[in-house]
Amino acid sequence: MVENPSTRGFKIYPGTVHGFTMSDTDAFNPAALQLHWDRLLPLLRRTLTKS
């Protein structure tokens, strides 16, 4: 993170509360969950692939 500080930061999910990814709670927000996966999976692919 020190080498490229522009890649770090927080992601905001408007209209959500803590726990919005858990479908068995009142906090569940399917649209925000999809956005979460759309952001997370590319990050994991970039950072966890073998060199």
C-alpha atoms as a PDB file:
ATOM      1  CA  MET A   1       0.000   0.000   0.000  1.00  0.00           C
ATOM      2  CA  VAL A   2       2.904   2.330   0.591  1.00  0.00           C
ATOM      3  CA  GLU A   3       4.066   2.016  -3.016  1.00  0.00           C
ATOM      4  CA  ASN A   4       0.725   3.073  -4.472  1.00  0.00           C
ATOM      5  CA  PRO A   5      -1.459   4.835  -1.903  1.00  0.00           C
ATOM      6  CA  SER A   6      -4.033   5.817  -4.557  1.00  0.00           C
ATOM      7  CA  THR A   7      -5.337   2.227  -4.622  1.00  0.00           C
ATOM      8  CA  ARG A   8      -6.541   2.185  -1.040  1.00  0.00           C
ATOM      9  CA  GLY A   9      -9.629   3.705   0.425  1.00  0.00           C
ATOM     10  CA  PHE A  10     -13.115   3.119   1.656  1.00  0.00           C
ATOM     11  CA  LYS A  11     -16.119   2.116  -0.372  1.00  0.00           C
ATOM     12  CA  ILE A  12     -19.441   3.681   0.538  1.00  0.00           C
ATOM     13  CA  TYR A  13     -22.711   1.851   0.071  1.00  0.00           C
ATOM     14  CA  PRO A  14     -25.422   4.529   0.310  1.00  0.00           C
ATOM     15  CA  GLY A  15     -28.682   3.524   1.898  1.00  0.00           C
ATOM     16  CA  THR A  16     -27.186   0.590   3.780  1.00  0.00           C
ATOM     17  CA  VAL A  17     -26.475  -0.284   7.380  1.00  0.00           C
ATOM     18  CA  HIS A  18     -23.944  -2.660   8.880  1.00  0.00           C
ATOM     19  CA  GLY A  19     -24.717  -6.220   7.835  1.00  0.00           C
ATOM     20  CA  PHE A  20     -26.263  -5.378   4.463  1.00  0.00           C
ATOM     21  CA  THR A  21     -24.709  -8.467   2.841  1.00  0.00           C
ATOM     22  CA  MET A  22     -26.509 -10.966   5.086  1.00  0.00           C
ATOM     23  CA  SER A  23     -29.748 -12.069   3.472  1.00  0.00           C
ATOM     24  CA  ASP A  24     -31.311 -13.308   6.697  1.00  0.00           C
ATOM     25  CA  THR A  25     -31.341  -9.880   8.362  1.00  0.00           C
ATOM     26  CA  ASP A  26     -33.454  -6.734   8.080  1.00  0.00           C
ATOM     27  CA  ALA A  27     -30.294  -4.933   6.929  1.00  0.00           C
ATOM     28  CA  PHE A  28     -30.061  -6.967   3.716  1.00  0.00           C
ATOM     29  CA  ASN A  29     -29.746  -4.859   0.581  1.00  0.00           C
ATOM     30  CA  PRO A  30     -29.469  -6.967  -2.597  1.00  0.00           C
ATOM     31  CA  ALA A  31     -28.433  -4.074  -4.855  1.00  0.00           C
ATOM     32  CA  ALA A  32     -25.627  -3.059  -2.500  1.00  0.00           C
ATOM     33  CA  LEU A  33     -24.565  -6.699  -2.163  1.00  0.00           C
ATOM     34  CA  GLN A  34     -24.194  -6.931  -5.946  1.00  0.00           C
ATOM     35  CA  LEU A  35     -22.133  -3.737  -5.989  1.00  0.00           C
ATOM     36  CA  HIS A  36     -19.988  -5.159  -3.179  1.00  0.00           C
ATOM     37  CA  TRP A  37     -19.237  -8.313  -5.217  1.00  0.00           C
ATOM     38  CA  ASP A  38     -18.659  -6.255  -8.372  1.00  0.00           C
ATOM     39  CA  ARG A  39     -15.955  -4.358  -6.484  1.00  0.00           C
ATOM     40  CA  LEU A  40     -14.514  -7.208  -4.423  1.00  0.00           C
ATOM     41  CA  LEU A  41     -13.994  -9.911  -7.042  1.00  0.00           C
ATOM     42  CA  PRO A  42     -11.777  -7.815  -9.355  1.00  0.00           C
ATOM     43  CA  LEU A  43      -9.703  -6.786  -6.337  1.00  0.00           C
ATOM     44  CA  LEU A  44      -9.234 -10.411  -5.328  1.00  0.00           C
ATOM     45  CA  ARG A  45      -8.323 -11.393  -8.891  1.00  0.00           C
ATOM     46  CA  ARG A  46      -5.691  -8.643  -9.073  1.00  0.00           C
ATOM     47  CA  THR A  47      -4.148  -9.316  -5.696  1.00  0.00           C
ATOM     48  CA  LEU A  48      -4.403 -13.086  -5.317  1.00  0.00           C
ATOM     49  CA  THR A  49      -3.274 -14.283  -8.716  1.00  0.00           C
ATOM     50  CA  LYS A  50       0.074 -16.000  -8.980  1.00  0.00           C
ATOM     51  CA  SER A  51       2.912 -14.026 -10.526  1.00  0.00           C
END
